[in-house]
Amino acid sequence: MAEKGKVLERKVFYAGVKVFKEGDSGDRAYLIQDGQVEITKNGLVLATLGKGELFGEMALVDDQPRMATATALTDVSVVIIGRDSFREKLAKADPFIRGLLNIFVRNIRNLTR
């Protein structure tokens, strides 16, 4: 349930539009409500994501530039999760879980270099 006074920001990206590019700074993550997004790095497809999946979150965890490019394969509707909202939720998480998340993100970035 959404907190009183907080409105979820939604956006539509049309097929073929880049949501973000590798190297961009990241201040938001995206939760797919409908459609598909392709994640690529150096022309290689890393993942195809669909309804209910989250992308763009790594930049919120470690404040590093985007490690890949996200492109709408179809028209995609997303809920935008801003940095502040993400950080609020993360701050409430168990410190062990926060530590694991940082390790996972670092390892993923190292694997894709």
Protein backbone atom coordinates (compact mmCIF):
# COMPACT_ATOMS: atom_id res chain seq x y z
CA MET A 1 0.00 0.00 0.00
CA ALA A 2 1.36 3.42 -0.92
CA GLU A 3 2.10 5.80 1.90
CA LYS A 4 -0.37 8.64 2.29
CA GLY A 5 0.60 11.57 0.10
CA LYS A 6 3.08 9.60 -2.01
CA VAL A 7 2.19 9.13 -5.65
CA LEU A 8 3.95 6.54 -7.75
CA GLU A 9 5.45 8.07 -10.87
CA ARG A 10 4.69 6.09 -14.01
CA LYS A 11 6.12 6.46 -17.48
CA VAL A 12 5.74 4.85 -20.90
CA PHE A 13 8.71 4.19 -23.16
CA TYR A 14 7.82 3.39 -26.76
CA ALA A 15 9.35 0.42 -28.60
CA GLY A 16 12.93 1.17 -29.68
CA VAL A 17 13.49 3.97 -27.16
CA LYS A 18 16.53 3.78 -24.89
CA VAL A 19 15.51 4.06 -21.24
CA PHE A 20 19.15 4.70 -20.35
CA LYS A 21 22.58 4.13 -21.87
CA GLU A 22 25.71 2.52 -20.49
CA GLY A 23 27.75 5.18 -18.71
CA ASP A 24 24.77 7.40 -17.82
CA SER A 25 24.42 8.43 -14.19
CA GLY A 26 21.51 6.73 -12.49
CA ASP A 27 19.07 8.27 -10.05
CA ARG A 28 16.15 5.88 -10.51
CA ALA A 29 15.20 2.28 -11.01
CA TYR A 30 12.26 0.97 -13.00
CA LEU A 31 9.63 -1.67 -12.24
CA ILE A 32 8.02 -3.02 -15.41
CA GLN A 33 4.22 -3.00 -15.33
CA ASP A 34 3.77 -4.08 -18.92
CA GLY A 35 6.00 -4.73 -21.94
CA GLN A 36 9.59 -5.87 -22.40
CA VAL A 37 13.00 -4.27 -21.94
CA GLU A 38 16.29 -5.53 -23.34
CA ILE A 39 19.49 -5.00 -21.35
CA THR A 40 22.65 -4.90 -23.52
CA LYS A 41 26.34 -4.25 -23.06
CA ASN A 42 28.73 -3.82 -26.00
CA GLY A 43 26.02 -5.10 -28.36
CA LEU A 44 25.56 -8.32 -26.32
CA VAL A 45 22.11 -9.05 -24.89
CA LEU A 46 22.46 -9.63 -21.14
CA ALA A 47 18.74 -10.01 -20.38
CA THR A 48 15.22 -9.57 -21.64
CA LEU A 49 12.94 -8.39 -18.85
CA GLY A 50 9.17 -8.31 -18.55
CA LYS A 51 6.26 -7.59 -16.24
CA GLY A 52 7.14 -7.45 -12.56
CA GLU A 53 10.91 -7.21 -13.13
CA LEU A 54 13.14 -4.43 -11.85
CA PHE A 55 16.04 -2.83 -13.70
CA GLY A 56 18.37 0.12 -13.16
CA GLU A 57 18.68 -0.60 -9.45
CA MET A 58 22.44 -1.15 -9.37
CA ALA A 59 23.19 2.55 -9.86
CA LEU A 60 21.08 3.28 -6.78
CA VAL A 61 22.98 0.76 -4.67
CA ASP A 62 26.53 1.89 -5.43
CA ASP A 63 26.22 5.33 -7.12
CA GLN A 64 28.24 4.11 -10.13
CA PRO A 65 27.32 4.89 -13.77
CA ARG A 66 24.93 2.60 -15.62
CA MET A 67 26.76 -0.62 -16.55
CA ALA A 68 24.52 -1.44 -19.52
CA THR A 69 21.95 0.00 -21.90
CA ALA A 70 18.21 -0.57 -21.41
CA THR A 71 16.01 -0.39 -24.52
CA ALA A 72 12.24 -0.83 -24.77
CA LEU A 73 11.61 -3.88 -27.00
CA THR A 74 7.88 -3.17 -26.97
CA ASP A 75 5.92 -0.24 -25.61
CA VAL A 76 6.75 -0.47 -21.90
CA SER A 77 4.99 1.03 -18.92
CA VAL A 78 7.06 1.34 -15.76
CA VAL A 79 6.82 2.58 -12.21
CA ILE A 80 9.78 4.83 -11.42
CA ILE A 81 11.56 4.26 -8.13
CA GLY A 82 13.56 7.35 -7.23
CA ARG A 83 16.83 7.37 -5.31
CA ASP A 84 15.26 8.79 -2.12
CA SER A 85 12.48 6.21 -2.04
CA PHE A 86 14.97 3.41 -2.73
CA ARG A 87 17.33 4.62 0.01
CA GLU A 88 14.46 4.88 2.53
CA LYS A 89 13.52 1.26 1.88
CA LEU A 90 17.14 0.12 1.97
CA ALA A 91 17.76 1.94 5.27
CA LYS A 92 14.98 -0.17 6.85
CA ALA A 93 16.59 -3.41 5.66
CA ASP A 94 18.72 -5.62 7.89
CA PRO A 95 22.40 -4.46 7.78
CA PHE A 96 23.44 -7.97 6.73
CA ILE A 97 21.11 -7.80 3.71
CA ARG A 98 22.43 -4.34 2.80
CA GLY A 99 25.98 -5.70 2.96
CA LEU A 100 25.08 -8.66 0.75
CA LEU A 101 23.42 -6.36 -1.77
CA ASN A 102 26.58 -4.24 -2.02
CA ILE A 103 28.72 -7.36 -2.52
CA PHE A 104 26.38 -8.71 -5.23
CA VAL A 105 26.40 -5.41 -7.12
CA ARG A 106 30.21 -5.15 -6.92
CA ASN A 107 30.58 -8.75 -8.15
CA ILE A 108 28.17 -8.22 -11.06
CA ARG A 109 30.00 -5.08 -12.14
CA ASN A 110 33.35 -6.92 -11.97
CA LEU A 111 32.00 -9.84 -14.02
CA THR A 112 30.78 -7.59 -16.82
CA ARG A 113 33.96 -5.52 -17.19
